PDB file of N, CA and C in Angstrom:
ATOM      1  N   UNK A   1      -2.124  -7.125  22.934  1.00  0.00           N
ATOM      2  CA  UNK A   1      -2.488  -6.308  21.626  1.00  0.00           C
ATOM      3  C   UNK A   1      -2.287  -7.166  20.527  1.00  0.00           C
ATOM      4  N   UNK A   2      -3.264  -7.266  19.862  1.00  0.00           N
ATOM      5  CA  UNK A   2      -3.297  -8.212  18.582  1.00  0.00           C
ATOM      6  C   UNK A   2      -2.929  -7.558  17.505  1.00  0.00           C
ATOM      7  N   UNK A   3      -2.070  -7.856  16.563  1.00  0.00           N
ATOM      8  CA  UNK A   3      -1.917  -7.466  15.032  1.00  0.00           C
ATOM      9  C   UNK A   3      -2.140  -8.591  14.049  1.00  0.00           C
ATOM     10  N   UNK A   4      -2.966  -8.201  13.006  1.00  0.00           N
ATOM     11  CA  UNK A   4      -2.996  -9.128  12.041  1.00  0.00           C
ATOM     12  C   UNK A   4      -2.726  -8.450  10.560  1.00  0.00           C
ATOM     13  N   UNK A   5      -1.924  -9.162   9.667  1.00  0.00           N
ATOM     14  CA  UNK A   5      -1.605  -8.774   8.629  1.00  0.00           C
ATOM     15  C   UNK A   5      -2.168  -9.420   7.219  1.00  0.00           C
ATOM     16  N   UNK A   6      -2.430  -8.184   6.301  1.00  0.00           N
ATOM     17  CA  UNK A   6      -2.866  -9.045   5.014  1.00  0.00           C
ATOM     18  C   UNK A   6      -1.805  -8.642   3.711  1.00  0.00           C
ATOM     19  N   UNK A   7      -1.434  -9.305   3.214  1.00  0.00           N
ATOM     20  CA  UNK A   7      -0.510  -9.384   2.366  1.00  0.00           C
ATOM     21  C   UNK A   7      -1.209  -9.307   0.673  1.00  0.00           C
ATOM     22  N   UNK A   8      -0.935  -8.319  -0.128  1.00  0.00           N
ATOM     23  CA  UNK A   8      -1.188  -8.464  -1.647  1.00  0.00           C
ATOM     24  C   UNK A   8      -0.082  -8.272  -2.499  1.00  0.00           C
ATOM     25  N   UNK A   9       0.056  -8.412  -3.933  1.00  0.00           N
ATOM     26  CA  UNK A   9       1.013  -8.154  -4.895  1.00  0.00           C
ATOM     27  C   UNK A   9       0.493  -7.298  -5.765  1.00  0.00           C
ATOM     28  N   UNK A  10       1.002  -6.592  -6.848  1.00  0.00           N
ATOM     29  CA  UNK A  10       0.869  -5.796  -8.143  1.00  0.00           C
ATOM     30  C   UNK A  10       2.183  -5.898  -8.885  1.00  0.00           C
ATOM     31  N   UNK A  11       1.980  -5.728  -9.899  1.00  0.00           N
ATOM     32  CA  UNK A  11       2.925  -5.268 -10.825  1.00  0.00           C
ATOM     33  C   UNK A  11       2.940  -3.826 -11.943  1.00  0.00           C
ATOM     34  N   UNK A  12       3.568  -2.723 -11.482  1.00  0.00           N
ATOM     35  CA  UNK A  12       3.510  -1.661 -12.084  1.00  0.00           C
ATOM     36  C   UNK A  12       4.952  -1.068 -12.309  1.00  0.00           C
ATOM     37  N   UNK A  13       4.946   0.225 -13.250  1.00  0.00           N
ATOM     38  CA  UNK A  13       6.075   0.986 -13.673  1.00  0.00           C
ATOM     39  C   UNK A  13       6.015   1.930 -13.005  1.00  0.00           C
ATOM     40  N   UNK A  14       7.135   3.015 -12.772  1.00  0.00           N
ATOM     41  CA  UNK A  14       6.785   4.422 -12.586  1.00  0.00           C
ATOM     42  C   UNK A  14       8.278   4.822 -12.727  1.00  0.00           C
ATOM     43  N   UNK A  15       8.588   6.389 -12.628  1.00  0.00           N
ATOM     44  CA  UNK A  15       9.947   6.662 -12.659  1.00  0.00           C
ATOM     45  C   UNK A  15       9.612   8.028 -11.537  1.00  0.00           C
ATOM     46  N   UNK A  16      10.725   8.065 -10.712  1.00  0.00           N
ATOM     47  CA  UNK A  16      10.929   9.071  -9.836  1.00  0.00           C
ATOM     48  C   UNK A  16      11.505  10.618 -10.213  1.00  0.00           C
ATOM     49  N   UNK A  17      10.275  11.452 -10.115  1.00  0.00           N
ATOM     50  CA  UNK A  17      10.648  12.935 -10.580  1.00  0.00           C
ATOM     51  C   UNK A  17      12.280  13.601  -9.969  1.00  0.00           C
ATOM     52  N   UNK A  18      13.195  14.314 -10.614  1.00  0.00           N
ATOM     53  CA  UNK A  18      13.718  14.884 -10.092  1.00  0.00           C
ATOM     54  C   UNK A  18      14.720  13.665  -9.324  1.00  0.00           C
ATOM     55  N   UNK A  19      15.101  12.624  -9.972  1.00  0.00           N
ATOM     56  CA  UNK A  19      15.801  11.627  -9.167  1.00  0.00           C
ATOM     57  C   UNK A  19      17.340  11.882  -9.737  1.00  0.00           C
ATOM     58  N   UNK A  20      18.248  11.638  -8.947  1.00  0.00           N
ATOM     59  CA  UNK A  20      19.861  11.930  -9.657  1.00  0.00           C
ATOM     60  C   UNK A  20      20.250  10.565 -10.141  1.00  0.00           C
ATOM     61  N   UNK A  21      19.534   9.479 -10.005  1.00  0.00           N
ATOM     62  CA  UNK A  21      20.069   8.303 -10.564  1.00  0.00           C
ATOM     63  C   UNK A  21      19.209   7.793 -11.501  1.00  0.00           C
ATOM     64  N   UNK A  22      19.365   6.149 -11.899  1.00  0.00           N
ATOM     65  CA  UNK A  22      18.541   5.713 -12.761  1.00  0.00           C
ATOM     66  C   UNK A  22      17.184   5.496 -12.611  1.00  0.00           C
ATOM     67  N   UNK A  23      16.781   5.824 -11.323  1.00  0.00           N
ATOM     68  CA  UNK A  23      15.073   5.564 -11.340  1.00  0.00           C
ATOM     69  C   UNK A  23      14.486   6.794 -11.905  1.00  0.00           C
ATOM     70  N   UNK A  24      15.194   7.742 -12.109  1.00  0.00           N
ATOM     71  CA  UNK A  24      14.658   8.779 -12.748  1.00  0.00           C
ATOM     72  C   UNK A  24      13.903   8.230 -14.311  1.00  0.00           C
ATOM     73  N   UNK A  25      14.425   7.335 -14.955  1.00  0.00           N
ATOM     74  CA  UNK A  25      13.938   6.257 -15.738  1.00  0.00           C
ATOM     75  C   UNK A  25      12.826   5.654 -15.607  1.00  0.00           C
ATOM     76  N   UNK A  26      11.856   5.330 -16.440  1.00  0.00           N
ATOM     77  CA  UNK A  26      10.669   4.440 -16.319  1.00  0.00           C
ATOM     78  C   UNK A  26      11.269   3.094 -15.932  1.00  0.00           C
ATOM     79  N   UNK A  27      10.452   2.231 -14.960  1.00  0.00           N
ATOM     80  CA  UNK A  27      11.170   0.970 -14.712  1.00  0.00           C
ATOM     81  C   UNK A  27      10.257   0.290 -13.866  1.00  0.00           C
ATOM     82  N   UNK A  28       9.994  -0.668 -13.617  1.00  0.00           N
ATOM     83  CA  UNK A  28       8.842  -1.482 -13.124  1.00  0.00           C
ATOM     84  C   UNK A  28       9.165  -2.280 -12.034  1.00  0.00           C
ATOM     85  N   UNK A  29       8.342  -2.831 -11.029  1.00  0.00           N
ATOM     86  CA  UNK A  29       8.718  -3.332 -10.041  1.00  0.00           C
ATOM     87  C   UNK A  29       7.298  -4.444  -9.826  1.00  0.00           C
ATOM     88  N   UNK A  30       7.794  -5.872  -9.183  1.00  0.00           N
ATOM     89  CA  UNK A  30       6.841  -6.672  -8.544  1.00  0.00           C
ATOM     90  C   UNK A  30       6.202  -6.374  -6.957  1.00  0.00           C
ATOM     91  N   UNK A  31       5.508  -5.356  -6.919  1.00  0.00           N
ATOM     92  CA  UNK A  31       5.122  -4.321  -5.363  1.00  0.00           C
ATOM     93  C   UNK A  31       4.775  -5.617  -4.785  1.00  0.00           C
ATOM     94  N   UNK A  32       4.809  -5.419  -3.202  1.00  0.00           N
ATOM     95  CA  UNK A  32       4.409  -6.303  -2.591  1.00  0.00           C
ATOM     96  C   UNK A  32       3.628  -5.695  -1.346  1.00  0.00           C
ATOM     97  N   UNK A  33       2.647  -5.764  -1.014  1.00  0.00           N
ATOM     98  CA  UNK A  33       1.836  -5.019  -0.050  1.00  0.00           C
ATOM     99  C   UNK A  33       1.483  -5.569   1.254  1.00  0.00           C
ATOM    100  N   UNK A  34       1.780  -5.172   2.533  1.00  0.00           N
ATOM    101  CA  UNK A  34       1.269  -5.671   3.660  1.00  0.00           C
ATOM    102  C   UNK A  34       0.471  -4.409   4.473  1.00  0.00           C
ATOM    103  N   UNK A  35      -0.580  -4.928   5.004  1.00  0.00           N
ATOM    104  CA  UNK A  35      -1.335  -3.624   5.662  1.00  0.00           C
ATOM    105  C   UNK A  35      -1.460  -4.433   7.134  1.00  0.00           C
ATOM    106  N   UNK A  36      -0.901  -4.046   7.898  1.00  0.00           N
ATOM    107  CA  UNK A  36      -1.179  -4.490   9.394  1.00  0.00           C
ATOM    108  C   UNK A  36      -2.071  -3.511  10.249  1.00  0.00           C
ATOM    109  N   UNK A  37      -2.886  -4.637  11.216  1.00  0.00           N
ATOM    110  CA  UNK A  37      -4.102  -3.932  11.823  1.00  0.00           C
ATOM    111  C   UNK A  37      -3.768  -4.120  13.133  1.00  0.00           C
ATOM    112  N   UNK A  38      -3.874  -3.705  14.277  1.00  0.00           N
ATOM    113  CA  UNK A  38      -3.643  -3.713  15.569  1.00  0.00           C
ATOM    114  C   UNK A  38      -4.765  -3.347  16.469  1.00  0.00           C
ATOM    115  N   UNK A  39      -4.956  -4.154  17.514  1.00  0.00           N
ATOM    116  CA  UNK A  39      -6.078  -3.466  18.480  1.00  0.00           C
ATOM    117  C   UNK A  39      -5.940  -4.620  19.482  1.00  0.00           C
ATOM    118  N   UNK A  40      -6.242  -4.040  20.877  1.00  0.00           N
ATOM    119  CA  UNK A  40      -6.062  -4.334  22.230  1.00  0.00           C
ATOM    120  C   UNK A  40      -7.631  -5.561  22.550  1.00  0.00           C
ATOM    121  N   UNK A  41      -8.770  -4.811  21.433  1.00  0.00           N
ATOM    122  CA  UNK A  41      -9.706  -5.631  21.588  1.00  0.00           C
ATOM    123  C   UNK A  41      -9.992  -6.082  20.376  1.00  0.00           C
ATOM    124  N   UNK A  42     -10.933  -7.572  20.624  1.00  0.00           N
ATOM    125  CA  UNK A  42     -11.260  -8.134  19.393  1.00  0.00           C
ATOM    126  C   UNK A  42     -12.773  -7.690  19.109  1.00  0.00           C
ATOM    127  N   UNK A  43     -13.584  -7.601  18.038  1.00  0.00           N
ATOM    128  CA  UNK A  43     -14.894  -7.752  17.973  1.00  0.00           C
ATOM    129  C   UNK A  43     -15.490  -8.925  18.138  1.00  0.00           C
ATOM    130  N   UNK A  44     -16.769  -8.903  17.965  1.00  0.00           N
ATOM    131  CA  UNK A  44     -17.665 -10.023  18.281  1.00  0.00           C
ATOM    132  C   UNK A  44     -17.247 -11.234  17.718  1.00  0.00           C
ATOM    133  N   UNK A  45     -16.744 -11.547  16.816  1.00  0.00           N
ATOM    134  CA  UNK A  45     -16.526 -12.557  15.934  1.00  0.00           C
ATOM    135  C   UNK A  45     -15.364 -12.755  16.571  1.00  0.00           C
ATOM    136  N   UNK A  46     -14.548 -12.134  17.327  1.00  0.00           N
ATOM    137  CA  UNK A  46     -12.995 -12.493  17.998  1.00  0.00           C
ATOM    138  C   UNK A  46     -11.805 -12.093  16.716  1.00  0.00           C
ATOM    139  N   UNK A  47     -12.068 -11.095  16.341  1.00  0.00           N
ATOM    140  CA  UNK A  47     -11.357 -10.579  15.184  1.00  0.00           C
ATOM    141  C   UNK A  47     -10.792  -8.816  15.338  1.00  0.00           C
ATOM    142  N   UNK A  48      -9.545  -8.385  14.911  1.00  0.00           N
ATOM    143  CA  UNK A  48      -9.434  -7.175  15.039  1.00  0.00           C
ATOM    144  C   UNK A  48     -10.239  -6.819  13.733  1.00  0.00           C
ATOM    145  N   UNK A  49     -10.012  -7.388  12.445  1.00  0.00           N
ATOM    146  CA  UNK A  49     -10.801  -6.986  11.454  1.00  0.00           C
ATOM    147  C   UNK A  49     -10.614  -8.338  10.895  1.00  0.00           C
ATOM    148  N   UNK A  50     -11.825  -8.041   9.872  1.00  0.00           N
ATOM    149  CA  UNK A  50     -11.888  -9.384   8.916  1.00  0.00           C
ATOM    150  C   UNK A  50     -11.063  -9.278   7.922  1.00  0.00           C
ATOM    151  N   UNK A  51     -10.188 -10.502   7.537  1.00  0.00           N
ATOM    152  CA  UNK A  51      -9.309 -10.428   6.135  1.00  0.00           C
ATOM    153  C   UNK A  51     -10.096 -10.237   5.049  1.00  0.00           C
ATOM    154  N   UNK A  52     -11.280 -10.716   4.977  1.00  0.00           N
ATOM    155  CA  UNK A  52     -11.842 -10.294   3.598  1.00  0.00           C
ATOM    156  C   UNK A  52     -12.236  -9.037   3.374  1.00  0.00           C
ATOM    157  N   UNK A  53     -12.464  -8.251   3.989  1.00  0.00           N
ATOM    158  CA  UNK A  53     -12.922  -6.867   4.283  1.00  0.00           C
ATOM    159  C   UNK A  53     -11.669  -5.979   3.513  1.00  0.00           C
ATOM    160  N   UNK A  54     -10.495  -6.455   4.531  1.00  0.00           N
ATOM    161  CA  UNK A  54      -9.359  -6.131   3.863  1.00  0.00           C
ATOM    162  C   UNK A  54      -8.787  -6.015   2.691  1.00  0.00           C
ATOM    163  N   UNK A  55      -8.994  -7.411   2.626  1.00  0.00           N
ATOM    164  CA  UNK A  55      -8.333  -7.850   0.837  1.00  0.00           C
ATOM    165  C   UNK A  55      -9.433  -7.364   0.036  1.00  0.00           C
ATOM    166  N   UNK A  56     -10.782  -7.062   0.125  1.00  0.00           N
ATOM    167  CA  UNK A  56     -11.619  -6.552  -0.658  1.00  0.00           C
ATOM    168  C   UNK A  56     -11.086  -5.313  -1.175  1.00  0.00           C
ATOM    169  N   UNK A  57     -10.664  -4.263  -0.125  1.00  0.00           N
ATOM    170  CA  UNK A  57     -10.299  -2.955  -0.164  1.00  0.00           C
ATOM    171  C   UNK A  57      -8.910  -2.899  -0.907  1.00  0.00           C
ATOM    172  N   UNK A  58      -8.076  -3.758  -0.518  1.00  0.00           N
ATOM    173  CA  UNK A  58      -6.460  -4.058  -1.426  1.00  0.00           C
ATOM    174  C   UNK A  58      -6.637  -4.380  -2.736  1.00  0.00           C
ATOM    175  N   UNK A  59      -7.660  -5.257  -3.061  1.00  0.00           N
ATOM    176  CA  UNK A  59      -8.059  -5.332  -4.227  1.00  0.00           C
ATOM    177  C   UNK A  59      -8.644  -4.324  -5.328  1.00  0.00           C
ATOM    178  N   UNK A  60      -9.465  -3.564  -4.162  1.00  0.00           N
ATOM    179  CA  UNK A  60      -9.959  -2.226  -5.064  1.00  0.00           C
ATOM    180  C   UNK A  60      -8.878  -1.129  -5.130  1.00  0.00           C
ATOM    181  N   UNK A  61      -7.968  -0.865  -4.449  1.00  0.00           N
ATOM    182  CA  UNK A  61      -6.749  -0.072  -4.341  1.00  0.00           C
ATOM    183  C   UNK A  61      -5.922  -0.441  -5.746  1.00  0.00           C
ATOM    184  N   UNK A  62      -5.569  -2.138  -5.792  1.00  0.00           N
ATOM    185  CA  UNK A  62      -4.868  -2.698  -6.514  1.00  0.00           C
ATOM    186  C   UNK A  62      -5.252  -2.438  -7.973  1.00  0.00           C
ATOM    187  N   UNK A  63      -6.334  -2.738  -8.156  1.00  0.00           N
ATOM    188  CA  UNK A  63      -7.234  -2.444  -9.383  1.00  0.00           C
ATOM    189  C   UNK A  63      -6.753  -1.297 -10.124  1.00  0.00           C
ATOM    190  N   UNK A  64      -6.613  -0.230  -9.472  1.00  0.00           N
ATOM    191  CA  UNK A  64      -6.374   1.405  -9.718  1.00  0.00           C
ATOM    192  C   UNK A  64      -4.702   1.471 -10.429  1.00  0.00           C
ATOM    193  N   UNK A  65      -3.765   0.498  -9.700  1.00  0.00           N
ATOM    194  CA  UNK A  65      -2.415   0.722 -10.373  1.00  0.00           C
ATOM    195  C   UNK A  65      -1.782  -0.437 -10.792  1.00  0.00           C
ATOM    196  N   UNK A  66      -2.530  -1.848 -11.003  1.00  0.00           N
ATOM    197  CA  UNK A  66      -1.963  -2.617 -11.250  1.00  0.00           C
ATOM    198  C   UNK A  66      -1.580  -2.796 -12.770  1.00  0.00           C
ATOM    199  N   UNK A  67      -0.676  -2.899 -13.512  1.00  0.00           N
ATOM    200  CA  UNK A  67      -0.075  -3.056 -14.840  1.00  0.00           C
ATOM    201  C   UNK A  67      -0.733  -1.645 -15.150  1.00  0.00           C
ATOM    202  N   UNK A  68      -0.032  -0.519 -14.582  1.00  0.00           N
ATOM    203  CA  UNK A  68      -0.048   0.870 -14.978  1.00  0.00           C
ATOM    204  C   UNK A  68       1.148   1.515 -14.811  1.00  0.00           C
ATOM    205  N   UNK A  69       1.040   2.709 -15.440  1.00  0.00           N
ATOM    206  CA  UNK A  69       2.254   3.618 -15.048  1.00  0.00           C
ATOM    207  C   UNK A  69       1.652   4.462 -13.612  1.00  0.00           C
ATOM    208  N   UNK A  70       2.063   4.143 -12.773  1.00  0.00           N
ATOM    209  CA  UNK A  70       1.845   5.011 -11.342  1.00  0.00           C
ATOM    210  C   UNK A  70       1.868   6.458 -11.712  1.00  0.00           C
ATOM    211  N   UNK A  71       2.791   6.959 -12.337  1.00  0.00           N
ATOM    212  CA  UNK A  71       2.808   8.185 -12.713  1.00  0.00           C
ATOM    213  C   UNK A  71       1.819   8.810 -13.290  1.00  0.00           C
ATOM    214  N   UNK A  72       0.760   8.298 -13.785  1.00  0.00           N
ATOM    215  CA  UNK A  72      -0.513   8.693 -14.614  1.00  0.00           C
ATOM    216  C   UNK A  72      -1.753   8.404 -13.668  1.00  0.00           C
ATOM    217  N   UNK A  73      -1.509   7.969 -12.615  1.00  0.00           N
ATOM    218  CA  UNK A  73      -2.747   7.476 -11.896  1.00  0.00           C
ATOM    219  C   UNK A  73      -2.581   8.634 -10.518  1.00  0.00           C
ATOM    220  N   UNK A  74      -3.636   9.394 -10.592  1.00  0.00           N
ATOM    221  CA  UNK A  74      -3.719  10.381  -9.367  1.00  0.00           C
ATOM    222  C   UNK A  74      -3.837   9.585  -8.079  1.00  0.00           C
ATOM    223  N   UNK A  75      -3.104  10.166  -7.269  1.00  0.00           N
ATOM    224  CA  UNK A  75      -2.489  11.479  -6.614  1.00  0.00           C
ATOM    225  C   UNK A  75      -1.185  11.415  -7.543  1.00  0.00           C
ATOM    226  N   UNK A  76      -0.466  10.333  -8.130  1.00  0.00           N
ATOM    227  CA  UNK A  76       0.811  10.341  -8.554  1.00  0.00           C
ATOM    228  C   UNK A  76       1.399  10.805  -9.890  1.00  0.00           C
ATOM    229  N   UNK A  77       0.143  11.618 -10.290  1.00  0.00           N
ATOM    230  CA  UNK A  77       0.227  12.349 -11.483  1.00  0.00           C
ATOM    231  C   UNK A  77       0.532  13.640 -11.005  1.00  0.00           C
ATOM    232  N   UNK A  78       0.462  13.868  -9.878  1.00  0.00           N
ATOM    233  CA  UNK A  78       1.111  15.307  -9.024  1.00  0.00           C
ATOM    234  C   UNK A  78       1.858  15.196  -7.981  1.00  0.00           C
ATOM    235  N   UNK A  79       2.419  13.512  -7.202  1.00  0.00           N
ATOM    236  CA  UNK A  79       3.145  13.265  -6.330  1.00  0.00           C
ATOM    237  C   UNK A  79       4.134  12.624  -6.814  1.00  0.00           C
ATOM    238  N   UNK A  80       5.274  12.439  -6.599  1.00  0.00           N
ATOM    239  CA  UNK A  80       6.324  11.481  -6.560  1.00  0.00           C
ATOM    240  C   UNK A  80       5.841  10.407  -6.072  1.00  0.00           C
ATOM    241  N   UNK A  81       5.860   9.260  -7.051  1.00  0.00           N
ATOM    242  CA  UNK A  81       5.571   7.791  -6.755  1.00  0.00           C
ATOM    243  C   UNK A  81       6.467   6.937  -6.203  1.00  0.00           C
ATOM    244  N   UNK A  82       6.969   7.558  -5.220  1.00  0.00           N
ATOM    245  CA  UNK A  82       7.955   6.890  -4.050  1.00  0.00           C
ATOM    246  C   UNK A  82       7.599   5.693  -3.386  1.00  0.00           C
ATOM    247  N   UNK A  83       8.084   4.674  -3.144  1.00  0.00           N
ATOM    248  CA  UNK A  83       7.488   3.604  -2.289  1.00  0.00           C
ATOM    249  C   UNK A  83       6.760   4.281  -0.842  1.00  0.00           C
ATOM    250  N   UNK A  84       7.644   5.084  -0.219  1.00  0.00           N
ATOM    251  CA  UNK A  84       6.823   5.769   0.856  1.00  0.00           C
ATOM    252  C   UNK A  84       5.700   6.677   0.642  1.00  0.00           C
ATOM    253  N   UNK A  85       5.501   7.535  -0.557  1.00  0.00           N
ATOM    254  CA  UNK A  85       4.068   7.966  -0.910  1.00  0.00           C
ATOM    255  C   UNK A  85       3.214   6.865  -1.312  1.00  0.00           C
ATOM    256  N   UNK A  86       3.376   5.924  -2.073  1.00  0.00           N
ATOM    257  CA  UNK A  86       2.536   4.732  -2.246  1.00  0.00           C
ATOM    258  C   UNK A  86       2.170   3.842  -0.929  1.00  0.00           C
ATOM    259  N   UNK A  87       3.013   3.927   0.091  1.00  0.00           N
ATOM    260  CA  UNK A  87       2.360   3.142   1.223  1.00  0.00           C
ATOM    261  C   UNK A  87       1.312   4.274   1.842  1.00  0.00           C
ATOM    262  N   UNK A  88       1.727   5.518   2.147  1.00  0.00           N
ATOM    263  CA  UNK A  88       0.547   6.442   2.677  1.00  0.00           C
ATOM    264  C   UNK A  88      -0.559   6.239   1.968  1.00  0.00           C
ATOM    265  N   UNK A  89      -0.355   6.672   0.792  1.00  0.00           N
ATOM    266  CA  UNK A  89      -1.556   6.396  -0.176  1.00  0.00           C
ATOM    267  C   UNK A  89      -2.733   5.184   0.053  1.00  0.00           C
ATOM    268  N   UNK A  90      -1.768   4.171   0.164  1.00  0.00           N
ATOM    269  CA  UNK A  90      -2.575   3.004   0.516  1.00  0.00           C
ATOM    270  C   UNK A  90      -3.095   2.853   1.919  1.00  0.00           C
ATOM    271  N   UNK A  91      -2.372   3.613   2.759  1.00  0.00           N
ATOM    272  CA  UNK A  91      -3.047   3.553   4.232  1.00  0.00           C
ATOM    273  C   UNK A  91      -4.174   4.487   4.274  1.00  0.00           C
ATOM    274  N   UNK A  92      -4.215   5.465   3.588  1.00  0.00           N
ATOM    275  CA  UNK A  92      -5.112   6.569   3.803  1.00  0.00           C
ATOM    276  C   UNK A  92      -6.286   5.893   3.022  1.00  0.00           C
ATOM    277  N   UNK A  93      -6.108   5.387   1.923  1.00  0.00           N
ATOM    278  CA  UNK A  93      -7.365   4.776   1.114  1.00  0.00           C
ATOM    279  C   UNK A  93      -8.176   3.355   2.148  1.00  0.00           C
ATOM    280  N   UNK A  94      -7.049   2.627   2.747  1.00  0.00           N
ATOM    281  CA  UNK A  94      -8.085   1.826   3.722  1.00  0.00           C
ATOM    282  C   UNK A  94      -8.351   2.634   5.100  1.00  0.00           C
ATOM    283  N   UNK A  95      -7.795   3.560   5.558  1.00  0.00           N
ATOM    284  CA  UNK A  95      -8.291   4.138   6.785  1.00  0.00           C
ATOM    285  C   UNK A  95      -9.610   4.837   6.481  1.00  0.00           C
ATOM    286  N   UNK A  96      -9.727   5.385   5.097  1.00  0.00           N
ATOM    287  CA  UNK A  96     -11.277   6.051   4.576  1.00  0.00           C
ATOM    288  C   UNK A  96     -12.717   4.770   4.689  1.00  0.00           C
ATOM    289  N   UNK A  97     -11.980   3.824   4.028  1.00  0.00           N
ATOM    290  CA  UNK A  97     -12.930   2.736   3.910  1.00  0.00           C
ATOM    291  C   UNK A  97     -13.329   1.523   4.607  1.00  0.00           C
ATOM    292  N   UNK A  98     -12.623   1.654   5.871  1.00  0.00           N
ATOM    293  CA  UNK A  98     -12.589   0.324   6.512  1.00  0.00           C
ATOM    294  C   UNK A  98     -13.046   0.829   7.971  1.00  0.00           C
ATOM    295  N   UNK A  99     -13.654   0.095   8.686  1.00  0.00           N
ATOM    296  CA  UNK A  99     -13.660   0.392  10.183  1.00  0.00           C
ATOM    297  C   UNK A  99     -12.932   0.533  11.044  1.00  0.00           C
ATOM    298  N   UNK A 100     -11.733   0.077  10.837  1.00  0.00           N
ATOM    299  CA  UNK A 100     -10.597   0.083  11.588  1.00  0.00           C
ATOM    300  C   UNK A 100      -9.330   0.706  10.611  1.00  0.00           C
ATOM    301  N   UNK A 101      -8.457   1.453  11.224  1.00  0.00           N
ATOM    302  CA  UNK A 101      -7.541   2.291  10.541  1.00  0.00           C
ATOM    303  C   UNK A 101      -6.454   0.996  10.603  1.00  0.00           C
ATOM    304  N   UNK A 102      -5.388   1.342   9.428  1.00  0.00           N
ATOM    305  CA  UNK A 102      -4.489   0.211   9.519  1.00  0.00           C
ATOM    306  C   UNK A 102      -3.491   0.812  10.899  1.00  0.00           C
ATOM    307  N   UNK A 103      -2.700  -0.195  11.264  1.00  0.00           N
ATOM    308  CA  UNK A 103      -1.404   0.397  11.840  1.00  0.00           C
ATOM    309  C   UNK A 103      -0.148   0.564  11.462  1.00  0.00           C
ATOM    310  N   UNK A 104      -0.317  -0.122  10.170  1.00  0.00           N
ATOM    311  CA  UNK A 104       1.014   0.135   9.403  1.00  0.00           C
ATOM    312  C   UNK A 104       0.754  -0.614   7.827  1.00  0.00           C
ATOM    313  N   UNK A 105       1.156   0.475   7.256  1.00  0.00           N
ATOM    314  CA  UNK A 105       1.218  -0.472   5.506  1.00  0.00           C
ATOM    315  C   UNK A 105       2.621  -0.249   5.038  1.00  0.00           C
ATOM    316  N   UNK A 106       2.965  -1.567   4.807  1.00  0.00           N
ATOM    317  CA  UNK A 106       4.169  -1.386   4.434  1.00  0.00           C
ATOM    318  C   UNK A 106       4.625  -1.744   2.741  1.00  0.00           C
ATOM    319  N   UNK A 107       5.279  -1.367   1.730  1.00  0.00           N
ATOM    320  CA  UNK A 107       5.651  -1.457   0.620  1.00  0.00           C
ATOM    321  C   UNK A 107       6.814  -2.186   0.133  1.00  0.00           C
ATOM    322  N   UNK A 108       6.615  -2.945  -0.365  1.00  0.00           N
ATOM    323  CA  UNK A 108       7.933  -3.453  -0.696  1.00  0.00           C
ATOM    324  C   UNK A 108       8.412  -3.659  -2.365  1.00  0.00           C
ATOM    325  N   UNK A 109       9.264  -2.759  -2.994  1.00  0.00           N
ATOM    326  CA  UNK A 109       9.819  -2.396  -4.118  1.00  0.00           C
ATOM    327  C   UNK A 109      10.403  -4.077  -4.233  1.00  0.00           C
ATOM    328  N   UNK A 110      11.394  -4.258  -3.542  1.00  0.00           N
ATOM    329  CA  UNK A 110      12.015  -5.439  -3.849  1.00  0.00           C
ATOM    330  C   UNK A 110      12.288  -6.528  -2.636  1.00  0.00           C
ATOM    331  N   UNK A 111      12.614  -7.398  -2.772  1.00  0.00           N
ATOM    332  CA  UNK A 111      12.615  -8.447  -1.439  1.00  0.00           C
ATOM    333  C   UNK A 111      13.690  -7.694  -0.616  1.00  0.00           C
ATOM    334  N   UNK A 112      14.576  -7.218  -0.965  1.00  0.00           N
ATOM    335  CA  UNK A 112      15.365  -6.273   0.003  1.00  0.00           C
ATOM    336  C   UNK A 112      15.107  -4.716   0.183  1.00  0.00           C
ATOM    337  N   UNK A 113      14.034  -4.385  -0.257  1.00  0.00           N
ATOM    338  CA  UNK A 113      13.798  -2.798   0.037  1.00  0.00           C
ATOM    339  C   UNK A 113      12.333  -2.716   0.255  1.00  0.00           C
ATOM    340  N   UNK A 114      12.173  -1.533   1.393  1.00  0.00           N
ATOM    341  CA  UNK A 114      10.414  -1.629   1.628  1.00  0.00           C
ATOM    342  C   UNK A 114      10.340  -0.279   2.315  1.00  0.00           C
ATOM    343  N   UNK A 115       9.285   0.633   2.021  1.00  0.00           N
ATOM    344  CA  UNK A 115       8.929   1.662   3.047  1.00  0.00           C
ATOM    345  C   UNK A 115       7.784   1.638   3.694  1.00  0.00           C
ATOM    346  N   UNK A 116       7.635   1.735   5.049  1.00  0.00           N
ATOM    347  CA  UNK A 116       5.991   1.884   5.535  1.00  0.00           C
ATOM    348  C   UNK A 116       5.590   3.102   6.257  1.00  0.00           C
ATOM    349  N   UNK A 117       4.305   2.946   6.387  1.00  0.00           N
ATOM    350  CA  UNK A 117       3.692   4.406   6.619  1.00  0.00           C
ATOM    351  C   UNK A 117       2.622   4.076   8.130  1.00  0.00           C
ATOM    352  N   UNK A 118       2.917   4.688   9.175  1.00  0.00           N
ATOM    353  CA  UNK A 118       1.910   4.538  10.028  1.00  0.00           C
ATOM    354  C   UNK A 118       1.594   5.939  10.492  1.00  0.00           C
ATOM    355  N   UNK A 119       0.069   6.061  11.364  1.00  0.00           N
ATOM    356  CA  UNK A 119       0.027   7.232  11.710  1.00  0.00           C
ATOM    357  C   UNK A 119       0.357   7.483  12.911  1.00  0.00           C
TER     358      UNK A 119
END
């Protein structure tokens, strides 16, 4: 099995709805995102997926939330913008636009905390 990973990062603020601790207040992170793609077979170019295609889509997604208040960006105007929900949203966006669905998307809020989503 082959696996490739594309990483990016963005800065954004959020607040967690109904959270009992300080995360209920507006705060920001320098988020890091890893999108992993896996496959037993390679395409005619010897790739699982082209890094450039993944980066183009990650840049599109990032443009929606970079330097923004995530709570104001759909679907997070109605969904709690937890790292888990952000990972699933990025996964779904990539799966919709790319010919190969991600195996996993991991979102790092800090260097020591992350959440992953895989189908």
